[in-house]
Structures are given as structure tokens and as C-alpha cells.
């Protein structure tokens, strides 16, 4: 039975590195518009990860006029061209949903330095 489930499951995308909640990332996603395809960047903070069931991660960014935009990406999606991690932040929670209520300096996270 597990062999059957593994055959249906999508293969791991090698372009998605290991990332943690609180990281600043850029997700380069292939978008299809009509007959053409292009790559679009979505840059923001990882506010949550889910490894059970279908592995996903949620990225939040502040768009124009201070409007927050969240997007959920499938970790194993073949549409993801690449993911780059810009910085790691020191967080004490696995889900950073409190950032939804904060703007400006209050929404900043402390940067984690490797020692």
C-alpha cells in the first residue's frame, strides 16, 4: 500500500532549500499567461510551514499602500523555479500569525547570526 502512495506522490523539488519560519525568502514561480511563460518573484517572510500531508510554506509580503499579501506554496511543486533565502530571523514560534496585525517597525524580526 505504501508503494502505491509513494508512486502517486510528487517528487521532491531540488530547487527548494531547507528554510525555517521567520526567514526572508524570494520565491521564483513560473506563471503561464496565454501561450507564454514567465518567471515572477514573490519576496517576503515565511510565516508558517506545514510538513504533514502535503508539505507547504506560507510567505507574507507587504504590497503597495501597506496591504499585506500572503501566498501558500507547495514545497514539491514543479512550478517553483527556485527559492533563495536572504536572511534568517530569530523567532520563538512556529507560526508567525501575529505579524498580520503589525506594520512598520513593529513587524521587524531580530536577525539570527551564525556563531
C-alpha atoms as a PDB file:
ATOM      1  CA  UNK A   1       0.000   0.000   0.000  1.00  0.00           C
ATOM      2  CA  UNK A   2       2.811   2.440   0.810  1.00  0.00           C
ATOM      3  CA  UNK A   3       4.471   1.709  -2.539  1.00  0.00           C
ATOM      4  CA  UNK A   4       1.272   2.777  -4.264  1.00  0.00           C
ATOM      5  CA  UNK A   5       1.137   6.020  -2.265  1.00  0.00           C
ATOM      6  CA  UNK A   6       4.791   6.777  -3.000  1.00  0.00           C
ATOM      7  CA  UNK A   7       4.186   6.254  -6.725  1.00  0.00           C
ATOM      8  CA  UNK A   8       1.420   8.893  -6.740  1.00  0.00           C
ATOM      9  CA  UNK A   9       3.291  11.393  -4.553  1.00  0.00           C
ATOM     10  CA  UNK A  10       5.106  14.232  -6.342  1.00  0.00           C
ATOM     11  CA  UNK A  11       8.926  14.067  -6.367  1.00  0.00           C
ATOM     12  CA  UNK A  12      10.928  16.421  -4.151  1.00  0.00           C
ATOM     13  CA  UNK A  13      11.822  19.704  -5.866  1.00  0.00           C
ATOM     14  CA  UNK A  14      15.635  20.128  -5.620  1.00  0.00           C
ATOM     15  CA  UNK A  15      15.318  23.915  -6.110  1.00  0.00           C
ATOM     16  CA  UNK A  16      13.661  24.413  -2.707  1.00  0.00           C
ATOM     17  CA  UNK A  17      16.289  24.612   0.070  1.00  0.00           C
ATOM     18  CA  UNK A  18      15.673  23.980   3.744  1.00  0.00           C
ATOM     19  CA  UNK A  19      14.047  27.061   5.249  1.00  0.00           C
ATOM     20  CA  UNK A  20      12.586  27.953   8.605  1.00  0.00           C
ATOM     21  CA  UNK A  21       9.826  30.168   9.920  1.00  0.00           C
ATOM     22  CA  UNK A  22      10.954  33.803  10.005  1.00  0.00           C
ATOM     23  CA  UNK A  23      13.300  33.577   7.007  1.00  0.00           C
ATOM     24  CA  UNK A  24      13.301  36.265   4.334  1.00  0.00           C
ATOM     25  CA  UNK A  25      12.917  34.425   1.022  1.00  0.00           C
ATOM     26  CA  UNK A  26      12.409  35.054  -2.669  1.00  0.00           C
ATOM     27  CA  UNK A  27      10.265  32.510  -4.472  1.00  0.00           C
ATOM     28  CA  UNK A  28      10.651  32.469  -8.255  1.00  0.00           C
ATOM     29  CA  UNK A  29       7.467  30.998  -9.719  1.00  0.00           C
ATOM     30  CA  UNK A  30       6.673  30.099 -13.337  1.00  0.00           C
ATOM     31  CA  UNK A  31       3.477  31.877 -14.439  1.00  0.00           C
ATOM     32  CA  UNK A  32       1.623  30.945 -17.616  1.00  0.00           C
ATOM     33  CA  UNK A  33      -0.150  33.816 -19.405  1.00  0.00           C
ATOM     34  CA  UNK A  34      -1.876  32.654 -22.548  1.00  0.00           C
ATOM     35  CA  UNK A  35       0.769  30.926 -24.639  1.00  0.00           C
ATOM     36  CA  UNK A  36       3.808  32.491 -22.968  1.00  0.00           C
ATOM     37  CA  UNK A  37       5.502  31.588 -19.705  1.00  0.00           C
ATOM     38  CA  UNK A  38       7.462  33.917 -17.462  1.00  0.00           C
ATOM     39  CA  UNK A  39       9.105  33.822 -14.039  1.00  0.00           C
ATOM     40  CA  UNK A  40       7.693  36.033 -11.292  1.00  0.00           C
ATOM     41  CA  UNK A  41       9.396  36.775  -7.965  1.00  0.00           C
ATOM     42  CA  UNK A  42       7.474  36.767  -4.676  1.00  0.00           C
ATOM     43  CA  UNK A  43       9.660  38.179  -1.889  1.00  0.00           C
ATOM     44  CA  UNK A  44       8.624  38.079   1.755  1.00  0.00           C
ATOM     45  CA  UNK A  45       8.793  36.423   5.163  1.00  0.00           C
ATOM     46  CA  UNK A  46       7.983  32.768   5.825  1.00  0.00           C
ATOM     47  CA  UNK A  47       5.221  32.918   8.455  1.00  0.00           C
ATOM     48  CA  UNK A  48       4.374  29.230   8.564  1.00  0.00           C
ATOM     49  CA  UNK A  49       5.306  25.766   7.391  1.00  0.00           C
ATOM     50  CA  UNK A  50       3.356  22.545   7.212  1.00  0.00           C
ATOM     51  CA  UNK A  51       5.138  19.223   6.772  1.00  0.00           C
ATOM     52  CA  UNK A  52       2.170  16.936   7.360  1.00  0.00           C
ATOM     53  CA  UNK A  53       0.068  15.777   4.438  1.00  0.00           C
ATOM     54  CA  UNK A  54       1.035  17.986   1.510  1.00  0.00           C
ATOM     55  CA  UNK A  55       4.135  19.998   2.542  1.00  0.00           C
ATOM     56  CA  UNK A  56       3.546  23.744   2.133  1.00  0.00           C
ATOM     57  CA  UNK A  57       5.004  27.045   3.284  1.00  0.00           C
ATOM     58  CA  UNK A  58       3.308  30.438   3.582  1.00  0.00           C
ATOM     59  CA  UNK A  59       5.075  33.664   2.563  1.00  0.00           C
ATOM     60  CA  UNK A  60       3.820  37.125   3.535  1.00  0.00           C
ATOM     61  CA  UNK A  61       4.869  40.411   1.968  1.00  0.00           C
ATOM     62  CA  UNK A  62       3.682  43.998   2.179  1.00  0.00           C
ATOM     63  CA  UNK A  63       2.396  45.209  -1.188  1.00  0.00           C
ATOM     64  CA  UNK A  64       1.689  48.779  -2.243  1.00  0.00           C
ATOM     65  CA  UNK A  65      -0.212  51.055   0.149  1.00  0.00           C
ATOM     66  CA  UNK A  66       0.706  48.825   3.103  1.00  0.00           C
ATOM     67  CA  UNK A  67      -1.583  45.965   2.125  1.00  0.00           C
ATOM     68  CA  UNK A  68      -0.361  42.559   3.298  1.00  0.00           C
ATOM     69  CA  UNK A  69      -0.398  39.697   0.812  1.00  0.00           C
ATOM     70  CA  UNK A  70       0.045  36.059   1.801  1.00  0.00           C
ATOM     71  CA  UNK A  71       0.613  33.175  -0.549  1.00  0.00           C
ATOM     72  CA  UNK A  72       0.818  29.453   0.148  1.00  0.00           C
ATOM     73  CA  UNK A  73       3.311  27.477  -1.940  1.00  0.00           C
ATOM     74  CA  UNK A  74       3.519  23.715  -2.352  1.00  0.00           C
ATOM     75  CA  UNK A  75       7.042  22.618  -1.456  1.00  0.00           C
ATOM     76  CA  UNK A  76       7.105  19.895  -4.115  1.00  0.00           C
ATOM     77  CA  UNK A  77       5.533  21.996  -6.879  1.00  0.00           C
ATOM     78  CA  UNK A  78       7.274  21.811 -10.270  1.00  0.00           C
ATOM     79  CA  UNK A  79       6.156  25.421 -10.914  1.00  0.00           C
ATOM     80  CA  UNK A  80       8.721  26.724  -8.398  1.00  0.00           C
ATOM     81  CA  UNK A  81      11.813  27.716 -10.377  1.00  0.00           C
ATOM     82  CA  UNK A  82      13.983  28.389  -7.312  1.00  0.00           C
ATOM     83  CA  UNK A  83      13.851  29.689  -3.753  1.00  0.00           C
ATOM     84  CA  UNK A  84      16.602  31.867  -2.299  1.00  0.00           C
ATOM     85  CA  UNK A  85      16.950  32.547   1.419  1.00  0.00           C
ATOM     86  CA  UNK A  86      18.201  36.085   2.117  1.00  0.00           C
ATOM     87  CA  UNK A  87      18.334  36.109   5.918  1.00  0.00           C
ATOM     88  CA  UNK A  88      17.382  34.051   8.940  1.00  0.00           C
ATOM     89  CA  UNK A  89      15.465  35.593  11.841  1.00  0.00           C
ATOM     90  CA  UNK A  90      15.351  34.622  15.474  1.00  0.00           C
ATOM     91  CA  UNK A  91      11.792  33.522  16.290  1.00  0.00           C
ATOM     92  CA  UNK A  92      10.190  31.675  19.184  1.00  0.00           C
ATOM     93  CA  UNK A  93       7.050  30.473  17.448  1.00  0.00           C
ATOM     94  CA  UNK A  94       6.344  28.040  14.637  1.00  0.00           C
ATOM     95  CA  UNK A  95       3.580  30.207  13.134  1.00  0.00           C
ATOM     96  CA  UNK A  96       4.093  33.975  12.927  1.00  0.00           C
ATOM     97  CA  UNK A  97       0.455  34.946  12.510  1.00  0.00           C
ATOM     98  CA  UNK A  98       0.943  37.886  14.889  1.00  0.00           C
ATOM     99  CA  UNK A  99       2.725  39.710  12.047  1.00  0.00           C
ATOM    100  CA  UNK A 100      -0.652  40.160  10.347  1.00  0.00           C
ATOM    101  CA  UNK A 101      -1.626  42.817  12.894  1.00  0.00           C
ATOM    102  CA  UNK A 102       1.700  44.655  12.841  1.00  0.00           C
ATOM    103  CA  UNK A 103       3.089  47.219  10.424  1.00  0.00           C
ATOM    104  CA  UNK A 104       6.296  49.225  10.145  1.00  0.00           C
ATOM    105  CA  UNK A 105       8.961  48.845  12.831  1.00  0.00           C
ATOM    106  CA  UNK A 106       6.746  46.612  14.974  1.00  0.00           C
ATOM    107  CA  UNK A 107       6.746  43.995  12.211  1.00  0.00           C
ATOM    108  CA  UNK A 108      10.540  43.621  12.218  1.00  0.00           C
ATOM    109  CA  UNK A 109      12.178  40.387  13.331  1.00  0.00           C
ATOM    110  CA  UNK A 110      15.567  40.122  15.007  1.00  0.00           C
ATOM    111  CA  UNK A 111      18.224  38.732  12.685  1.00  0.00           C
ATOM    112  CA  UNK A 112      19.932  35.466  13.614  1.00  0.00           C
ATOM    113  CA  UNK A 113      23.720  35.431  13.292  1.00  0.00           C
ATOM    114  CA  UNK A 114      25.660  32.193  12.998  1.00  0.00           C
ATOM    115  CA  UNK A 115      28.294  31.796  15.691  1.00  0.00           C
END
